[in-house]
PDB file of all heavy atoms in Angstrom:
ATOM      1  N   VAL A   1      88.156 150.650-108.051  1.00  0.00           N
ATOM      2  CA  VAL A   1      89.047 151.764-108.466  1.00  0.00           C
ATOM      3  C   VAL A   1      89.517 151.559-109.913  1.00  0.00           C
ATOM      4  O   VAL A   1      89.491 150.447-110.448  1.00  0.00           O
ATOM      5  CB  VAL A   1      90.237 151.950-107.531  1.00  0.00           C
ATOM      6  CG1 VAL A   1      89.799 152.314-106.114  1.00  0.00           C
ATOM      7  CG2 VAL A   1      91.117 150.690-107.503  1.00  0.00           C
ATOM      8  N   GLU A   2      89.961 152.649-110.480  1.00  0.00           N
ATOM      9  CA  GLU A   2      90.664 152.643-111.772  1.00  0.00           C
ATOM     10  C   GLU A   2      91.772 153.689-111.657  1.00  0.00           C
ATOM     11  O   GLU A   2      91.808 154.479-110.718  1.00  0.00           O
ATOM     12  CB  GLU A   2      89.701 152.982-112.940  1.00  0.00           C
ATOM     13  CG  GLU A   2      89.118 154.406-112.783  1.00  0.00           C
ATOM     14  CD  GLU A   2      88.177 154.752-113.924  1.00  0.00           C
ATOM     15  OE1 GLU A   2      87.515 153.832-114.507  1.00  0.00           O
ATOM     16  OE2 GLU A   2      88.113 155.943-114.262  1.00  0.00           O
ATOM     17  N   PHE A   3      92.694 153.643-112.554  1.00  0.00           N
ATOM     18  CA  PHE A   3      93.742 154.678-112.591  1.00  0.00           C
ATOM     19  C   PHE A   3      94.378 154.616-114.000  1.00  0.00           C
ATOM     20  O   PHE A   3      94.132 153.716-114.812  1.00  0.00           O
ATOM     21  CB  PHE A   3      94.800 154.468-111.498  1.00  0.00           C
ATOM     22  CG  PHE A   3      95.235 153.039-111.273  1.00  0.00           C
ATOM     23  CD1 PHE A   3      96.043 152.370-112.211  1.00  0.00           C
ATOM     24  CD2 PHE A   3      94.836 152.377-110.121  1.00  0.00           C
ATOM     25  CE1 PHE A   3      96.424 151.085-111.987  1.00  0.00           C
ATOM     26  CE2 PHE A   3      95.231 151.051-109.895  1.00  0.00           C
ATOM     27  CZ  PHE A   3      96.041 150.412-110.833  1.00  0.00           C
ATOM     28  N   LEU A   4      95.257 155.613-114.260  1.00  0.00           N
ATOM     29  CA  LEU A   4      95.851 155.676-115.585  1.00  0.00           C
ATOM     30  C   LEU A   4      96.887 154.584-115.788  1.00  0.00           C
ATOM     31  O   LEU A   4      96.816 153.743-116.689  1.00  0.00           O
ATOM     32  CB  LEU A   4      96.506 157.028-115.813  1.00  0.00           C
ATOM     33  CG  LEU A   4      95.509 158.237-115.900  1.00  0.00           C
ATOM     34  CD1 LEU A   4      96.308 159.521-116.157  1.00  0.00           C
ATOM     35  CD2 LEU A   4      94.461 158.008-116.959  1.00  0.00           C
ATOM     36  N   PHE A   5      97.943 154.567-114.893  1.00  0.00           N
ATOM     37  CA  PHE A   5      99.064 153.698-115.132  1.00  0.00           C
ATOM     38  C   PHE A   5      99.508 153.039-113.843  1.00  0.00           C
ATOM     39  O   PHE A   5      99.677 153.714-112.828  1.00  0.00           O
ATOM     40  CB  PHE A   5     100.242 154.462-115.720  1.00  0.00           C
ATOM     41  CG  PHE A   5      99.856 155.376-116.876  1.00  0.00           C
ATOM     42  CD1 PHE A   5      99.874 156.789-116.723  1.00  0.00           C
ATOM     43  CD2 PHE A   5      99.401 154.828-118.064  1.00  0.00           C
ATOM     44  CE1 PHE A   5      99.502 157.585-117.770  1.00  0.00           C
ATOM     45  CE2 PHE A   5      99.052 155.647-119.130  1.00  0.00           C
ATOM     46  CZ  PHE A   5      99.083 157.022-118.989  1.00  0.00           C
ATOM     47  N   PRO A   6      99.787 151.750-113.869  1.00  0.00           N
ATOM     48  CA  PRO A   6     100.307 151.053-112.651  1.00  0.00           C
ATOM     49  C   PRO A   6     101.824 150.885-112.665  1.00  0.00           C
ATOM     50  O   PRO A   6     102.388 150.339-111.706  1.00  0.00           O
ATOM     51  CB  PRO A   6      99.635 149.700-112.776  1.00  0.00           C
ATOM     52  CG  PRO A   6      99.593 149.415-114.240  1.00  0.00           C
ATOM     53  CD  PRO A   6      99.386 150.776-114.873  1.00  0.00           C
ATOM     54  N   TYR A   7     102.544 151.292-113.703  1.00  0.00           N
ATOM     55  CA  TYR A   7     103.861 150.760-113.998  1.00  0.00           C
ATOM     56  C   TYR A   7     104.964 151.273-113.097  1.00  0.00           C
ATOM     57  O   TYR A   7     106.082 150.729-113.134  1.00  0.00           O
ATOM     58  CB  TYR A   7     104.161 150.990-115.478  1.00  0.00           C
ATOM     59  CG  TYR A   7     103.056 150.550-116.371  1.00  0.00           C
ATOM     60  CD1 TYR A   7     102.247 151.470-117.051  1.00  0.00           C
ATOM     61  CD2 TYR A   7     102.747 149.189-116.501  1.00  0.00           C
ATOM     62  CE1 TYR A   7     101.207 151.086-117.853  1.00  0.00           C
ATOM     63  CE2 TYR A   7     101.690 148.769-117.294  1.00  0.00           C
ATOM     64  CZ  TYR A   7     100.934 149.732-117.988  1.00  0.00           C
ATOM     65  OH  TYR A   7      99.877 149.302-118.764  1.00  0.00           O
ATOM     66  N   ASP A   8     104.673 152.268-112.299  1.00  0.00           N
ATOM     67  CA  ASP A   8     105.717 152.759-111.345  1.00  0.00           C
ATOM     68  C   ASP A   8     105.803 151.872-110.128  1.00  0.00           C
ATOM     69  O   ASP A   8     106.708 152.054-109.282  1.00  0.00           O
ATOM     70  CB  ASP A   8     105.365 154.175-110.844  1.00  0.00           C
ATOM     71  CG  ASP A   8     105.591 155.227-111.966  1.00  0.00           C
ATOM     72  OD1 ASP A   8     106.352 154.943-112.894  1.00  0.00           O
ATOM     73  OD2 ASP A   8     105.054 156.347-111.840  1.00  0.00           O
ATOM     74  N   TYR A   9     104.916 150.867-109.972  1.00  0.00           N
ATOM     75  CA  TYR A   9     104.900 150.002-108.804  1.00  0.00           C
ATOM     76  C   TYR A   9     104.814 148.553-109.225  1.00  0.00           C
ATOM     77  O   TYR A   9     104.172 148.232-110.252  1.00  0.00           O
ATOM     78  CB  TYR A   9     103.683 150.300-107.945  1.00  0.00           C
ATOM     79  CG  TYR A   9     103.580 151.769-107.507  1.00  0.00           C
ATOM     80  CD1 TYR A   9     102.908 152.698-108.273  1.00  0.00           C
ATOM     81  CD2 TYR A   9     104.210 152.199-106.357  1.00  0.00           C
ATOM     82  CE1 TYR A   9     102.854 154.042-107.919  1.00  0.00           C
ATOM     83  CE2 TYR A   9     104.169 153.528-105.986  1.00  0.00           C
ATOM     84  CZ  TYR A   9     103.493 154.451-106.762  1.00  0.00           C
ATOM     85  OH  TYR A   9     103.436 155.782-106.387  1.00  0.00           O
ATOM     86  N   PRO A  10     105.500 147.668-108.550  1.00  0.00           N
ATOM     87  CA  PRO A  10     105.344 146.243-108.865  1.00  0.00           C
ATOM     88  C   PRO A  10     103.906 145.813-108.691  1.00  0.00           C
ATOM     89  O   PRO A  10     103.166 146.323-107.795  1.00  0.00           O
ATOM     90  CB  PRO A  10     106.228 145.517-107.796  1.00  0.00           C
ATOM     91  CG  PRO A  10     107.158 146.603-107.345  1.00  0.00           C
ATOM     92  CD  PRO A  10     106.414 147.897-107.425  1.00  0.00           C
ATOM     93  N   ALA A  11     103.442 144.901-109.524  1.00  0.00           N
ATOM     94  CA  ALA A  11     102.048 144.454-109.490  1.00  0.00           C
ATOM     95  C   ALA A  11     101.676 143.909-108.103  1.00  0.00           C
ATOM     96  O   ALA A  11     100.540 144.150-107.605  1.00  0.00           O
ATOM     97  CB  ALA A  11     101.801 143.375-110.540  1.00  0.00           C
ATOM     98  N   GLU A  12     102.615 143.248-107.430  1.00  0.00           N
ATOM     99  CA  GLU A  12     102.294 142.669-106.125  1.00  0.00           C
ATOM    100  C   GLU A  12     102.008 143.734-105.061  1.00  0.00           C
ATOM    101  O   GLU A  12     101.256 143.498-104.126  1.00  0.00           O
ATOM    102  CB  GLU A  12     103.359 141.710-105.642  1.00  0.00           C
ATOM    103  CG  GLU A  12     104.762 142.296-105.560  1.00  0.00           C
ATOM    104  CD  GLU A  12     105.592 142.111-106.809  1.00  0.00           C
ATOM    105  OE1 GLU A  12     104.982 141.983-107.910  1.00  0.00           O
ATOM    106  OE2 GLU A  12     106.834 142.096-106.674  1.00  0.00           O
ATOM    107  N   VAL A  13     102.633 144.915-105.204  1.00  0.00           N
ATOM    108  CA  VAL A  13     102.401 146.015-104.279  1.00  0.00           C
ATOM    109  C   VAL A  13     100.983 146.566-104.448  1.00  0.00           C
ATOM    110  O   VAL A  13     100.243 146.785-103.491  1.00  0.00           O
ATOM    111  CB  VAL A  13     103.444 147.125-104.463  1.00  0.00           C
ATOM    112  CG1 VAL A  13     103.077 148.363-103.655  1.00  0.00           C
ATOM    113  CG2 VAL A  13     104.836 146.637-104.107  1.00  0.00           C
ATOM    114  N   ILE A  14     100.582 146.780-105.714  1.00  0.00           N
ATOM    115  CA  ILE A  14      99.217 147.247-105.957  1.00  0.00           C
ATOM    116  C   ILE A  14      98.211 146.184-105.583  1.00  0.00           C
ATOM    117  O   ILE A  14      97.158 146.501-104.965  1.00  0.00           O
ATOM    118  CB  ILE A  14      99.081 147.618-107.444  1.00  0.00           C
ATOM    119  CG1 ILE A  14     100.006 148.770-107.789  1.00  0.00           C
ATOM    120  CG2 ILE A  14      97.612 147.959-107.763  1.00  0.00           C
ATOM    121  CD1 ILE A  14     100.004 149.149-109.242  1.00  0.00           C
ATOM    122  N   LYS A  15      98.508 144.938-105.872  1.00  0.00           N
ATOM    123  CA  LYS A  15      97.604 143.815-105.504  1.00  0.00           C
ATOM    124  C   LYS A  15      97.384 143.833-103.970  1.00  0.00           C
ATOM    125  O   LYS A  15      96.226 143.620-103.508  1.00  0.00           O
ATOM    126  CB  LYS A  15      98.145 142.511-105.943  1.00  0.00           C
ATOM    127  CG  LYS A  15      97.231 141.312-105.708  1.00  0.00           C
ATOM    128  CD  LYS A  15      97.783 140.048-106.306  1.00  0.00           C
ATOM    129  CE  LYS A  15      96.857 138.880-106.092  1.00  0.00           C
ATOM    130  NZ  LYS A  15      97.375 137.614-106.721  1.00  0.00           N
ATOM    131  N   ALA A  16      98.402 144.061-103.207  1.00  0.00           N
ATOM    132  CA  ALA A  16      98.270 144.075-101.749  1.00  0.00           C
ATOM    133  C   ALA A  16      97.366 145.164-101.291  1.00  0.00           C
ATOM    134  O   ALA A  16      96.541 145.011-100.365  1.00  0.00           O
ATOM    135  CB  ALA A  16      99.642 144.190-101.089  1.00  0.00           C
ATOM    136  N   ARG A  17      97.435 146.363-101.939  1.00  0.00           N
ATOM    137  CA  ARG A  17      96.569 147.479-101.566  1.00  0.00           C
ATOM    138  C   ARG A  17      95.098 147.178-101.930  1.00  0.00           C
ATOM    139  O   ARG A  17      94.173 147.516-101.183  1.00  0.00           O
ATOM    140  CB  ARG A  17      97.018 148.777-102.242  1.00  0.00           C
ATOM    141  CG  ARG A  17      98.415 149.223-101.943  1.00  0.00           C
ATOM    142  CD  ARG A  17      98.808 149.187-100.477  1.00  0.00           C
ATOM    143  NE  ARG A  17      97.789 149.849 -99.640  1.00  0.00           N
ATOM    144  CZ  ARG A  17      97.612 149.587 -98.357  1.00  0.00           C
ATOM    145  NH1 ARG A  17      98.253 148.618 -97.729  1.00  0.00           N
ATOM    146  NH2 ARG A  17      96.703 150.281 -97.672  1.00  0.00           N
ATOM    147  N   LEU A  18      94.900 146.556-103.077  1.00  0.00           N
ATOM    148  CA  LEU A  18      93.551 146.166-103.453  1.00  0.00           C
ATOM    149  C   LEU A  18      92.979 145.148-102.491  1.00  0.00           C
ATOM    150  O   LEU A  18      91.822 145.325-102.030  1.00  0.00           O
ATOM    151  CB  LEU A  18      93.581 145.579-104.897  1.00  0.00           C
ATOM    152  CG  LEU A  18      93.897 146.521-106.036  1.00  0.00           C
ATOM    153  CD1 LEU A  18      94.191 145.764-107.292  1.00  0.00           C
ATOM    154  CD2 LEU A  18      92.751 147.533-106.260  1.00  0.00           C
ATOM    155  N   GLN A  19      93.763 144.118-102.174  1.00  0.00           N
ATOM    156  CA  GLN A  19      93.239 143.081-101.299  1.00  0.00           C
ATOM    157  C   GLN A  19      92.967 143.596 -99.878  1.00  0.00           C
ATOM    158  O   GLN A  19      91.986 143.256 -99.259  1.00  0.00           O
ATOM    159  CB  GLN A  19      94.237 141.908-101.255  1.00  0.00           C
ATOM    160  CG  GLN A  19      94.272 141.126-102.610  1.00  0.00           C
ATOM    161  CD  GLN A  19      95.225 139.997-102.570  1.00  0.00           C
ATOM    162  OE1 GLN A  19      96.223 139.985-101.790  1.00  0.00           O
ATOM    163  NE2 GLN A  19      95.034 139.035-103.451  1.00  0.00           N
ATOM    164  N   HIS A  20      93.879 144.421 -99.362  1.00  0.00           N
ATOM    165  CA  HIS A  20      93.735 144.982 -98.043  1.00  0.00           C
ATOM    166  C   HIS A  20      92.437 145.751 -97.896  1.00  0.00           C
ATOM    167  O   HIS A  20      91.773 145.713 -96.864  1.00  0.00           O
ATOM    168  CB  HIS A  20      94.927 145.867 -97.703  1.00  0.00           C
ATOM    169  CG  HIS A  20      94.784 146.575 -96.368  1.00  0.00           C
ATOM    170  ND1 HIS A  20      94.983 145.918 -95.187  1.00  0.00           N
ATOM    171  CD2 HIS A  20      94.496 147.852 -96.092  1.00  0.00           C
ATOM    172  CE1 HIS A  20      94.799 146.799 -94.185  1.00  0.00           C
ATOM    173  NE2 HIS A  20      94.481 147.961 -94.712  1.00  0.00           N
ATOM    174  N   ASN A  21      92.036 146.407 -99.000  1.00  0.00           N
ATOM    175  CA  ASN A  21      90.822 147.264 -98.936  1.00  0.00           C
ATOM    176  C   ASN A  21      89.588 146.627 -99.616  1.00  0.00           C
ATOM    177  O   ASN A  21      88.582 147.257 -99.753  1.00  0.00           O
ATOM    178  CB  ASN A  21      91.121 148.607 -99.600  1.00  0.00           C
ATOM    179  CG  ASN A  21      92.077 149.474 -98.797  1.00  0.00           C
ATOM    180  OD1 ASN A  21      91.689 150.003 -97.783  1.00  0.00           O
ATOM    181  ND2 ASN A  21      93.314 149.583 -99.237  1.00  0.00           N
ATOM    182  N   GLN A  22      89.759 145.371-100.038  1.00  0.00           N
ATOM    183  CA  GLN A  22      88.680 144.620-100.699  1.00  0.00           C
ATOM    184  C   GLN A  22      88.124 145.455-101.884  1.00  0.00           C
ATOM    185  O   GLN A  22      86.908 145.628-102.053  1.00  0.00           O
ATOM    186  CB  GLN A  22      87.534 144.315 -99.725  1.00  0.00           C
ATOM    187  CG  GLN A  22      87.990 143.386 -98.607  1.00  0.00           C
ATOM    188  CD  GLN A  22      86.856 142.983 -97.658  1.00  0.00           C
ATOM    189  OE1 GLN A  22      86.065 143.854 -97.237  1.00  0.00           O
ATOM    190  NE2 GLN A  22      86.813 141.722 -97.304  1.00  0.00           N
ATOM    191  N   LEU A  23      89.044 145.941-102.683  1.00  0.00           N
ATOM    192  CA  LEU A  23      88.713 146.708-103.863  1.00  0.00           C
ATOM    193  C   LEU A  23      88.939 145.932-105.143  1.00  0.00           C
ATOM    194  O   LEU A  23      89.895 145.158-105.242  1.00  0.00           O
ATOM    195  CB  LEU A  23      89.549 147.997-103.951  1.00  0.00           C
ATOM    196  CG  LEU A  23      89.297 149.094-102.885  1.00  0.00           C
ATOM    197  CD1 LEU A  23      90.421 150.123-102.903  1.00  0.00           C
ATOM    198  CD2 LEU A  23      87.956 149.730-103.128  1.00  0.00           C
ATOM    199  N   GLN A  24      88.096 146.169-106.142  1.00  0.00           N
ATOM    200  CA  GLN A  24      88.254 145.612-107.475  1.00  0.00           C
ATOM    201  C   GLN A  24      88.897 146.687-108.369  1.00  0.00           C
ATOM    202  O   GLN A  24      88.477 147.807-108.411  1.00  0.00           O
ATOM    203  CB  GLN A  24      86.903 145.217-108.089  1.00  0.00           C
ATOM    204  CG  GLN A  24      86.901 144.899-109.542  1.00  0.00           C
ATOM    205  CD  GLN A  24      87.663 143.581-109.860  1.00  0.00           C
ATOM    206  OE1 GLN A  24      87.357 142.590-109.281  1.00  0.00           O
ATOM    207  NE2 GLN A  24      88.539 143.639-110.823  1.00  0.00           N
ATOM    208  N   LEU A  25      89.965 146.287-109.075  1.00  0.00           N
ATOM    209  CA  LEU A  25      90.515 147.163-110.100  1.00  0.00           C
ATOM    210  C   LEU A  25      89.768 146.924-111.366  1.00  0.00           C
ATOM    211  O   LEU A  25      89.678 145.774-111.837  1.00  0.00           O
ATOM    212  CB  LEU A  25      92.019 146.877-110.274  1.00  0.00           C
ATOM    213  CG  LEU A  25      92.694 147.641-111.415  1.00  0.00           C
ATOM    214  CD1 LEU A  25      92.661 149.167-111.189  1.00  0.00           C
ATOM    215  CD2 LEU A  25      94.135 147.185-111.579  1.00  0.00           C
ATOM    216  N   VAL A  26      89.198 147.969-112.001  1.00  0.00           N
ATOM    217  CA  VAL A  26      88.385 147.778-113.157  1.00  0.00           C
ATOM    218  C   VAL A  26      88.945 148.319-114.485  1.00  0.00           C
ATOM    219  O   VAL A  26      88.432 148.039-115.545  1.00  0.00           O
ATOM    220  CB  VAL A  26      86.968 148.373-112.940  1.00  0.00           C
ATOM    221  CG1 VAL A  26      86.312 147.706-111.728  1.00  0.00           C
ATOM    222  CG2 VAL A  26      87.029 149.872-112.701  1.00  0.00           C
ATOM    223  N   LEU A  27      90.026 149.103-114.421  1.00  0.00           N
ATOM    224  CA  LEU A  27      90.558 149.658-115.631  1.00  0.00           C
ATOM    225  C   LEU A  27      91.915 150.338-115.343  1.00  0.00           C
ATOM    226  O   LEU A  27      92.105 150.978-114.334  1.00  0.00           O
ATOM    227  CB  LEU A  27      89.619 150.746-116.212  1.00  0.00           C
ATOM    228  CG  LEU A  27      90.062 151.428-117.505  1.00  0.00           C
ATOM    229  CD1 LEU A  27      89.976 150.459-118.685  1.00  0.00           C
ATOM    230  CD2 LEU A  27      89.204 152.683-117.803  1.00  0.00           C
TER     231      LEU A  27
END
């Protein structure tokens, strides 16, 4: 996945969603 901005969420919250779904953040 990619997205415009992550800054509305703590990095650990986004990291948990990535890991739960086995997704790579690319941009």
